């Protein structure tokens, strides 16, 4: 079993970077290590947003999945009918995707290789969403995002075709 220190190293952050007291971090990491059973969707990361919450530019948060294959999937829906799938992955030190926080990368999974232009409205909605995640990760000692991997770890473990 990994120690609390190992988990922080894995996340690539220090207690100070999270703005947590040592005791709050220890409590959160103990809960992380002791969590059992099926992982649930990390709704605390997007709180107070919930399904149906507007993100701007016609986009709303439709759903947030539990962690599967190393990521939680945010499904966004546009008022004109478009859908976007955003994979919330652990950040491994180098930002990936359109936006990121200290602990997480938000990757738009649209079948491209990062070479397509992203709709500006969707990009702004993702920036708003990342801002909410950043606020929540800095305020919470609850670091339970069990099973989250970096995008590269996911590609190595599951293959790119399995990450749609």
Protein backbone atom coordinates (compact mmCIF):
# COMPACT_ATOMS: atom_id res chain seq x y z
CA UNK A 1 0.00 0.00 0.00
CA UNK A 2 1.28 3.46 -0.86
CA UNK A 3 2.12 5.90 1.90
CA UNK A 4 0.59 9.36 2.08
CA UNK A 5 3.92 10.79 0.95
CA UNK A 6 3.93 8.45 -2.07
CA UNK A 7 0.46 9.61 -3.04
CA UNK A 8 1.48 13.25 -2.84
CA UNK A 9 4.55 12.48 -4.94
CA UNK A 10 2.33 10.69 -7.43
CA UNK A 11 0.12 13.75 -7.63
CA UNK A 12 3.23 15.91 -7.98
CA UNK A 13 2.23 18.42 -5.35
CA UNK A 14 3.15 19.40 -1.86
CA UNK A 15 0.84 20.13 1.02
CA UNK A 16 1.80 23.80 0.78
CA UNK A 17 0.92 23.93 -2.91
CA UNK A 18 -2.56 22.74 -2.07
CA UNK A 19 -3.01 25.37 0.62
CA UNK A 20 -3.82 22.71 3.21
CA UNK A 21 -2.63 22.30 6.75
CA UNK A 22 -0.59 19.17 7.35
CA UNK A 23 -3.40 17.67 9.47
CA UNK A 24 -6.06 18.40 6.83
CA UNK A 25 -3.89 16.82 4.15
CA UNK A 26 -3.25 13.79 6.35
CA UNK A 27 -7.00 13.34 6.95
CA UNK A 28 -7.76 13.62 3.25
CA UNK A 29 -5.01 11.21 2.30
CA UNK A 30 -6.08 8.74 4.97
CA UNK A 31 -9.60 8.82 3.53
CA UNK A 32 -8.09 8.33 0.06
CA UNK A 33 -6.06 5.34 1.18
CA UNK A 34 -8.94 3.78 3.15
CA UNK A 35 -11.64 4.34 0.54
CA UNK A 36 -13.07 1.03 -0.58
CA UNK A 37 -15.70 -0.25 -2.97
CA UNK A 38 -16.74 1.21 -6.29
CA UNK A 39 -15.52 4.72 -6.94
CA UNK A 40 -18.19 7.34 -7.38
CA UNK A 41 -18.12 10.38 -9.62
CA UNK A 42 -15.86 13.05 -8.07
CA UNK A 43 -18.69 15.59 -7.92
CA UNK A 44 -16.86 17.57 -5.22
CA UNK A 45 -14.48 18.76 -7.94
CA UNK A 46 -17.17 20.62 -9.87
CA UNK A 47 -19.40 21.64 -6.92
CA UNK A 48 -21.69 23.50 -6.77
CA UNK A 49 -22.17 22.60 -10.44
CA UNK A 50 -24.41 19.65 -11.14
CA UNK A 51 -26.05 18.17 -14.23
CA UNK A 52 -27.90 20.97 -16.02
CA UNK A 53 -25.64 23.75 -14.69
CA UNK A 54 -24.68 26.33 -17.33
CA UNK A 55 -21.00 26.69 -18.24
CA UNK A 56 -21.39 29.61 -20.62
CA UNK A 57 -21.65 30.09 -24.39
CA UNK A 58 -24.65 27.73 -24.56
CA UNK A 59 -22.83 24.81 -22.89
CA UNK A 60 -24.15 22.97 -19.84
CA UNK A 61 -22.74 20.20 -17.68
CA UNK A 62 -24.71 17.13 -18.65
CA UNK A 63 -22.98 14.43 -16.56
CA UNK A 64 -19.85 13.41 -14.67
CA UNK A 65 -18.99 9.73 -14.68
CA UNK A 66 -17.24 7.71 -12.01
CA UNK A 67 -13.56 7.07 -12.67
CA UNK A 68 -13.20 4.43 -15.38
CA UNK A 69 -10.03 3.57 -17.30
CA UNK A 70 -8.18 6.18 -15.26
CA UNK A 71 -10.43 9.21 -15.89
CA UNK A 72 -13.76 10.73 -14.95
CA UNK A 73 -15.66 11.85 -18.04
CA UNK A 74 -17.47 15.17 -18.09
CA UNK A 75 -20.19 15.27 -20.73
CA UNK A 76 -21.10 18.76 -21.89
CA UNK A 77 -24.12 19.58 -24.01
CA UNK A 78 -24.72 22.63 -26.17
CA UNK A 79 -28.13 24.25 -26.52
CA UNK A 80 -27.87 23.68 -30.30
CA UNK A 81 -27.46 19.93 -29.72
CA UNK A 82 -23.70 19.40 -29.73
CA UNK A 83 -21.99 17.11 -27.22
CA UNK A 84 -18.44 17.22 -25.90
CA UNK A 85 -16.64 14.62 -23.82
CA UNK A 86 -13.93 15.94 -21.53
CA UNK A 87 -11.68 13.49 -19.71
CA UNK A 88 -10.58 14.62 -16.27
CA UNK A 89 -7.15 13.03 -15.73
CA UNK A 90 -4.43 13.29 -13.11
CA UNK A 91 -1.80 15.81 -14.08
CA UNK A 92 1.70 14.35 -14.24
CA UNK A 93 3.56 17.66 -14.10
CA UNK A 94 3.26 18.66 -17.75
CA UNK A 95 -0.11 20.11 -18.74
CA UNK A 96 -2.11 18.21 -21.36
CA UNK A 97 -5.30 19.18 -23.12
CA UNK A 98 -7.01 22.50 -23.50
CA UNK A 99 -6.92 23.44 -19.84
CA UNK A 100 -5.56 22.18 -16.55
CA UNK A 101 -5.23 22.85 -12.85
CA UNK A 102 -2.45 22.07 -10.39
CA UNK A 103 -3.70 18.48 -10.05
CA UNK A 104 -5.80 17.74 -13.12
CA UNK A 105 -5.78 17.91 -16.92
CA UNK A 106 -9.06 18.42 -18.79
CA UNK A 107 -8.75 16.81 -22.20
CA UNK A 108 -11.34 17.27 -24.93
CA UNK A 109 -11.74 13.85 -26.53
CA UNK A 110 -13.01 14.63 -30.02
CA UNK A 111 -11.11 12.02 -32.03
CA UNK A 112 -8.40 14.44 -33.09
CA UNK A 113 -4.72 14.51 -32.31
CA UNK A 114 -4.70 17.98 -30.81
CA UNK A 115 -4.38 19.48 -34.26
CA UNK A 116 -7.98 20.70 -34.78
CA UNK A 117 -9.17 24.13 -33.75
CA UNK A 118 -11.61 24.01 -30.83
CA UNK A 119 -14.83 25.97 -30.94
CA UNK A 120 -14.20 29.20 -29.01
CA UNK A 121 -17.41 28.87 -27.00
CA UNK A 122 -16.50 25.35 -25.91
CA UNK A 123 -12.99 26.49 -25.06
CA UNK A 124 -14.37 29.24 -22.83
CA UNK A 125 -16.79 26.82 -21.16
CA UNK A 126 -13.84 24.50 -20.43
CA UNK A 127 -11.84 27.38 -18.97
CA UNK A 128 -14.80 28.19 -16.68
CA UNK A 129 -15.04 24.54 -15.67
CA UNK A 130 -11.30 24.33 -14.95
CA UNK A 131 -11.60 27.46 -12.81
CA UNK A 132 -14.27 25.72 -10.69
CA UNK A 133 -12.12 22.58 -10.37
CA UNK A 134 -9.13 24.70 -9.33
CA UNK A 135 -11.15 26.47 -6.61
CA UNK A 136 -12.42 23.16 -5.26
CA UNK A 137 -9.06 21.38 -5.28
CA UNK A 138 -7.52 24.22 -3.29
CA UNK A 139 -10.31 24.28 -0.71
CA UNK A 140 -10.75 20.61 -0.06
CA UNK A 141 -8.76 18.15 2.01
CA UNK A 142 -10.78 15.39 0.32
CA UNK A 143 -8.29 14.19 -2.27
CA UNK A 144 -10.29 11.08 -3.12
CA UNK A 145 -10.19 10.71 -6.85
CA UNK A 146 -9.51 7.03 -6.68
CA UNK A 147 -8.11 5.41 -9.80
CA UNK A 148 -7.28 8.61 -11.70
CA UNK A 149 -4.28 8.32 -14.04
CA UNK A 150 -2.44 10.77 -16.24
CA UNK A 151 -3.38 10.75 -19.92
CA UNK A 152 -0.06 9.13 -20.86
CA UNK A 153 -0.54 6.39 -18.26
CA UNK A 154 -4.02 5.77 -19.66
CA UNK A 155 -2.72 5.49 -23.24
CA UNK A 156 0.01 3.07 -22.12
CA UNK A 157 -2.34 0.94 -20.03
CA UNK A 158 -5.50 0.86 -22.17
CA UNK A 159 -4.42 2.00 -25.64
CA UNK A 160 -5.62 5.16 -27.36
CA UNK A 161 -8.55 3.44 -29.08
CA UNK A 162 -10.10 2.63 -25.69
CA UNK A 163 -10.11 6.25 -24.51
CA UNK A 164 -12.91 7.77 -26.57
